PDB file of N, CA and C in Angstrom:
ATOM      1  N   MET A   1       0.634  -1.188   0.045  1.00  0.00           N
ATOM      2  CA  MET A   1       0.172  -0.286  -0.095  1.00  0.00           C
ATOM      3  C   MET A   1       0.779   1.180  -0.097  1.00  0.00           C
ATOM      4  N   PRO A   2       1.133   1.890  -0.992  1.00  0.00           N
ATOM      5  CA  PRO A   2       1.757   2.764  -1.420  1.00  0.00           C
ATOM      6  C   PRO A   2       1.290   4.270  -0.466  1.00  0.00           C
ATOM      7  N   GLN A   3       0.321   4.441  -0.785  1.00  0.00           N
ATOM      8  CA  GLN A   3      -0.077   5.374   0.034  1.00  0.00           C
ATOM      9  C   GLN A   3       0.173   5.889   1.694  1.00  0.00           C
ATOM     10  N   LEU A   4       0.525   4.790   2.104  1.00  0.00           N
ATOM     11  CA  LEU A   4       0.444   5.185   3.528  1.00  0.00           C
ATOM     12  C   LEU A   4       2.249   5.166   3.566  1.00  0.00           C
ATOM     13  N   ASN A   5       2.912   5.050   2.662  1.00  0.00           N
ATOM     14  CA  ASN A   5       4.668   5.825   2.905  1.00  0.00           C
ATOM     15  C   ASN A   5       4.340   7.372   2.680  1.00  0.00           C
ATOM     16  N   PRO A   6       4.510   8.018   3.987  1.00  0.00           N
ATOM     17  CA  PRO A   6       4.504   9.468   4.083  1.00  0.00           C
ATOM     18  C   PRO A   6       5.801  10.319   3.007  1.00  0.00           C
ATOM     19  N   ALA A   7       6.695   9.533   2.777  1.00  0.00           N
ATOM     20  CA  ALA A   7       7.676  10.011   2.397  1.00  0.00           C
ATOM     21  C   ALA A   7       7.626  11.090   1.304  1.00  0.00           C
ATOM     22  N   PRO A   8       7.531  10.617  -0.239  1.00  0.00           N
ATOM     23  CA  PRO A   8       7.080  11.583  -0.909  1.00  0.00           C
ATOM     24  C   PRO A   8       5.825  12.591  -0.853  1.00  0.00           C
ATOM     25  N   TRP A   9       4.929  12.444   0.026  1.00  0.00           N
ATOM     26  CA  TRP A   9       4.019  12.754   0.155  1.00  0.00           C
ATOM     27  C   TRP A   9       4.428  14.517   1.228  1.00  0.00           C
ATOM     28  N   PHE A  10       5.139  14.289   2.032  1.00  0.00           N
ATOM     29  CA  PHE A  10       5.249  15.325   2.936  1.00  0.00           C
ATOM     30  C   PHE A  10       6.096  15.803   2.215  1.00  0.00           C
ATOM     31  N   ALA A  11       7.397  16.012   1.825  1.00  0.00           N
ATOM     32  CA  ALA A  11       7.772  16.443   0.507  1.00  0.00           C
ATOM     33  C   ALA A  11       6.826  17.837   0.032  1.00  0.00           C
ATOM     34  N   ILE A  12       6.209  16.889  -1.021  1.00  0.00           N
ATOM     35  CA  ILE A  12       5.294  17.713  -1.700  1.00  0.00           C
ATOM     36  C   ILE A  12       4.214  18.545  -1.362  1.00  0.00           C
ATOM     37  N   LEU A  13       3.658  18.401   0.052  1.00  0.00           N
ATOM     38  CA  LEU A  13       3.144  18.981   0.896  1.00  0.00           C
ATOM     39  C   LEU A  13       4.288  20.341   1.637  1.00  0.00           C
ATOM     40  N   VAL A  14       5.102  20.270   1.836  1.00  0.00           N
ATOM     41  CA  VAL A  14       5.947  21.113   2.314  1.00  0.00           C
ATOM     42  C   VAL A  14       6.784  22.190   1.491  1.00  0.00           C
ATOM     43  N   PHE A  15       6.886  21.777   0.559  1.00  0.00           N
ATOM     44  CA  PHE A  15       7.413  22.436  -1.057  1.00  0.00           C
ATOM     45  C   PHE A  15       5.832  22.986  -1.449  1.00  0.00           C
ATOM     46  N   ALA A  16       4.945  22.658  -1.446  1.00  0.00           N
ATOM     47  CA  ALA A  16       3.233  22.832  -2.146  1.00  0.00           C
ATOM     48  C   ALA A  16       2.696  24.465  -1.098  1.00  0.00           C
ATOM     49  N   TRP A  17       3.486  24.637   0.289  1.00  0.00           N
ATOM     50  CA  TRP A  17       2.966  25.115   1.296  1.00  0.00           C
ATOM     51  C   TRP A  17       4.563  26.251   1.315  1.00  0.00           C
ATOM     52  N   LEU A  18       5.323  25.505   0.817  1.00  0.00           N
ATOM     53  CA  LEU A  18       6.534  26.810   0.529  1.00  0.00           C
ATOM     54  C   LEU A  18       6.068  28.145  -0.598  1.00  0.00           C
ATOM     55  N   ILE A  19       5.582  27.399  -1.420  1.00  0.00           N
ATOM     56  CA  ILE A  19       5.373  28.359  -2.268  1.00  0.00           C
ATOM     57  C   ILE A  19       4.091  29.054  -2.257  1.00  0.00           C
ATOM     58  N   PHE A  20       3.529  28.317  -1.839  1.00  0.00           N
ATOM     59  CA  PHE A  20       2.105  29.341  -1.121  1.00  0.00           C
ATOM     60  C   PHE A  20       2.425  30.380   0.239  1.00  0.00           C
ATOM     61  N   LEU A  21       3.603  30.240   0.745  1.00  0.00           N
ATOM     62  CA  LEU A  21       3.776  31.362   1.879  1.00  0.00           C
ATOM     63  C   LEU A  21       4.772  32.100   1.458  1.00  0.00           C
ATOM     64  N   THR A  22       5.873  32.076   0.251  1.00  0.00           N
ATOM     65  CA  THR A  22       6.598  33.088   0.187  1.00  0.00           C
ATOM     66  C   THR A  22       6.596  33.563  -1.389  1.00  0.00           C
ATOM     67  N   ILE A  23       5.890  32.850  -2.509  1.00  0.00           N
ATOM     68  CA  ILE A  23       6.172  33.727  -3.749  1.00  0.00           C
ATOM     69  C   ILE A  23       4.793  33.871  -3.969  1.00  0.00           C
ATOM     70  N   ILE A  24       3.358  33.646  -3.980  1.00  0.00           N
ATOM     71  CA  ILE A  24       1.953  34.215  -3.957  1.00  0.00           C
ATOM     72  C   ILE A  24       1.685  35.433  -3.170  1.00  0.00           C
ATOM     73  N   PRO A  25       1.876  35.273  -1.772  1.00  0.00           N
ATOM     74  CA  PRO A  25       1.747  36.596  -1.481  1.00  0.00           C
ATOM     75  C   PRO A  25       2.265  37.862  -1.909  1.00  0.00           C
ATOM     76  N   PRO A  26       3.565  38.082  -1.841  1.00  0.00           N
ATOM     77  CA  PRO A  26       3.944  39.249  -2.538  1.00  0.00           C
ATOM     78  C   PRO A  26       3.421  39.319  -3.835  1.00  0.00           C
ATOM     79  N   LYS A  27       2.804  38.244  -4.810  1.00  0.00           N
ATOM     80  CA  LYS A  27       2.358  38.814  -6.197  1.00  0.00           C
ATOM     81  C   LYS A  27       1.165  39.273  -5.978  1.00  0.00           C
ATOM     82  N   ILE A  28       0.232  38.899  -4.628  1.00  0.00           N
ATOM     83  CA  ILE A  28      -1.219  39.330  -5.099  1.00  0.00           C
ATOM     84  C   ILE A  28      -1.243  40.874  -4.060  1.00  0.00           C
ATOM     85  N   LEU A  29       0.019  40.844  -2.897  1.00  0.00           N
ATOM     86  CA  LEU A  29      -0.177  42.294  -2.177  1.00  0.00           C
ATOM     87  C   LEU A  29       0.609  42.885  -3.333  1.00  0.00           C
ATOM     88  N   GLY A  30       1.175  42.491  -4.302  1.00  0.00           N
ATOM     89  CA  GLY A  30       1.433  43.779  -5.478  1.00  0.00           C
ATOM     90  C   GLY A  30       0.658  44.697  -6.061  1.00  0.00           C
ATOM     91  N   HIS A  31      -0.802  44.282  -5.882  1.00  0.00           N
ATOM     92  CA  HIS A  31      -1.262  44.670  -6.904  1.00  0.00           C
ATOM     93  C   HIS A  31      -2.112  46.144  -6.418  1.00  0.00           C
ATOM     94  N   SER A  32      -2.413  47.067  -6.891  1.00  0.00           N
ATOM     95  CA  SER A  32      -2.782  48.179  -6.261  1.00  0.00           C
ATOM     96  C   SER A  32      -4.586  48.633  -6.941  1.00  0.00           C
ATOM     97  N   PHE A  33      -5.613  48.793  -6.335  1.00  0.00           N
ATOM     98  CA  PHE A  33      -6.436  48.678  -6.125  1.00  0.00           C
ATOM     99  C   PHE A  33      -7.050  50.261  -6.794  1.00  0.00           C
ATOM    100  N   PRO A  34      -7.922  50.319  -7.558  1.00  0.00           N
ATOM    101  CA  PRO A  34      -8.216  51.501  -8.386  1.00  0.00           C
ATOM    102  C   PRO A  34      -9.044  52.963  -7.607  1.00  0.00           C
ATOM    103  N   ASN A  35      -9.823  52.044  -6.628  1.00  0.00           N
ATOM    104  CA  ASN A  35     -10.469  52.905  -5.825  1.00  0.00           C
ATOM    105  C   ASN A  35     -10.354  52.787  -4.297  1.00  0.00           C
ATOM    106  N   GLU A  36      -9.053  53.749  -4.174  1.00  0.00           N
ATOM    107  CA  GLU A  36      -8.596  53.441  -2.614  1.00  0.00           C
ATOM    108  C   GLU A  36     -10.098  54.608  -1.385  1.00  0.00           C
ATOM    109  N   PRO A  37     -10.220  53.796  -0.475  1.00  0.00           N
ATOM    110  CA  PRO A  37     -10.771  54.001   0.402  1.00  0.00           C
ATOM    111  C   PRO A  37     -10.699  55.652   0.812  1.00  0.00           C
ATOM    112  N   THR A  38     -11.089  56.597   1.173  1.00  0.00           N
ATOM    113  CA  THR A  38     -11.299  58.119   1.570  1.00  0.00           C
ATOM    114  C   THR A  38     -11.266  58.127   2.586  1.00  0.00           C
ATOM    115  N   PRO A  39     -10.760  58.930   3.812  1.00  0.00           N
ATOM    116  CA  PRO A  39     -11.000  58.811   4.949  1.00  0.00           C
ATOM    117  C   PRO A  39     -12.604  60.398   5.091  1.00  0.00           C
ATOM    118  N   GLN A  40     -13.405  59.479   6.000  1.00  0.00           N
ATOM    119  CA  GLN A  40     -14.448  60.120   5.989  1.00  0.00           C
ATOM    120  C   GLN A  40     -14.414  61.125   7.318  1.00  0.00           C
ATOM    121  N   SER A  41     -15.217  62.460   7.234  1.00  0.00           N
ATOM    122  CA  SER A  41     -15.238  63.235   8.355  1.00  0.00           C
ATOM    123  C   SER A  41     -15.757  62.572   9.500  1.00  0.00           C
ATOM    124  N   THR A  42     -15.772  62.988  11.106  1.00  0.00           N
ATOM    125  CA  THR A  42     -16.012  62.447  12.219  1.00  0.00           C
ATOM    126  C   THR A  42     -17.171  63.261  12.547  1.00  0.00           C
ATOM    127  N   GLN A  43     -17.246  64.150  11.661  1.00  0.00           N
ATOM    128  CA  GLN A  43     -18.342  65.326  12.238  1.00  0.00           C
ATOM    129  C   GLN A  43     -20.129  64.376  11.526  1.00  0.00           C
ATOM    130  N   LYS A  44     -20.894  65.004  12.620  1.00  0.00           N
ATOM    131  CA  LYS A  44     -22.302  64.362  12.053  1.00  0.00           C
ATOM    132  C   LYS A  44     -23.082  65.873  11.397  1.00  0.00           C
ATOM    133  N   PRO A  45     -23.336  65.064  10.426  1.00  0.00           N
ATOM    134  CA  PRO A  45     -24.169  66.086   9.402  1.00  0.00           C
ATOM    135  C   PRO A  45     -25.506  67.033  10.222  1.00  0.00           C
ATOM    136  N   GLN A  46     -25.690  67.954  10.067  1.00  0.00           N
ATOM    137  CA  GLN A  46     -26.483  68.986  10.199  1.00  0.00           C
ATOM    138  C   GLN A  46     -27.592  68.193   9.778  1.00  0.00           C
ATOM    139  N   THR A  47     -28.880  67.933  10.035  1.00  0.00           N
ATOM    140  CA  THR A  47     -29.917  67.560   9.883  1.00  0.00           C
ATOM    141  C   THR A  47     -31.523  68.655  10.062  1.00  0.00           C
ATOM    142  N   GLU A  48     -31.625  68.906   8.567  1.00  0.00           N
ATOM    143  CA  GLU A  48     -33.426  69.911   9.547  1.00  0.00           C
ATOM    144  C   GLU A  48     -34.325  69.140   9.463  1.00  0.00           C
ATOM    145  N   SER A  49     -35.040  69.648  10.161  1.00  0.00           N
ATOM    146  CA  SER A  49     -36.429  69.136   9.972  1.00  0.00           C
ATOM    147  C   SER A  49     -37.046  69.989   8.821  1.00  0.00           C
ATOM    148  N   TRP A  50     -38.513  69.076   8.033  1.00  0.00           N
ATOM    149  CA  TRP A  50     -39.247  69.159   7.416  1.00  0.00           C
ATOM    150  C   TRP A  50     -40.028  70.342   7.987  1.00  0.00           C
ATOM    151  N   THR A  51     -40.112  71.224   6.709  1.00  0.00           N
ATOM    152  CA  THR A  51     -41.239  72.265   7.398  1.00  0.00           C
ATOM    153  C   THR A  51     -42.859  72.190   6.186  1.00  0.00           C
ATOM    154  N   TRP A  52     -42.667  70.564   5.906  1.00  0.00           N
ATOM    155  CA  TRP A  52     -43.787  71.030   4.549  1.00  0.00           C
ATOM    156  C   TRP A  52     -44.904  70.742   5.916  1.00  0.00           C
ATOM    157  N   PRO A  53     -45.945  71.028   5.765  1.00  0.00           N
ATOM    158  CA  PRO A  53     -47.605  71.007   6.194  1.00  0.00           C
ATOM    159  C   PRO A  53     -47.787  69.861   6.069  1.00  0.00           C
ATOM    160  N   TRP A  54     -48.737  68.915   7.665  1.00  0.00           N
ATOM    161  CA  TRP A  54     -49.072  67.943   6.906  1.00  0.00           C
ATOM    162  C   TRP A  54     -50.274  67.933   7.115  1.00  0.00           C
ATOM    163  N   HIS A  55     -51.407  67.497   5.795  1.00  0.00           N
ATOM    164  CA  HIS A  55     -52.257  67.830   5.760  1.00  0.00           C
ATOM    165  C   HIS A  55     -53.320  66.311   6.127  1.00  0.00           C
TER     166      HIS A  55
END
């Protein structure tokens, strides 16, 4: 039963995770997003009550 021999599969697992953790994140983080968020003001907007007559 060769699938119980962990020697080749463990090496494949380690190399795959090394690729995922060292090569791919800088490529993904290197992208720039076109819509950068702008900071919002902390002041509440002034709201005015309606002056409409309620008939």
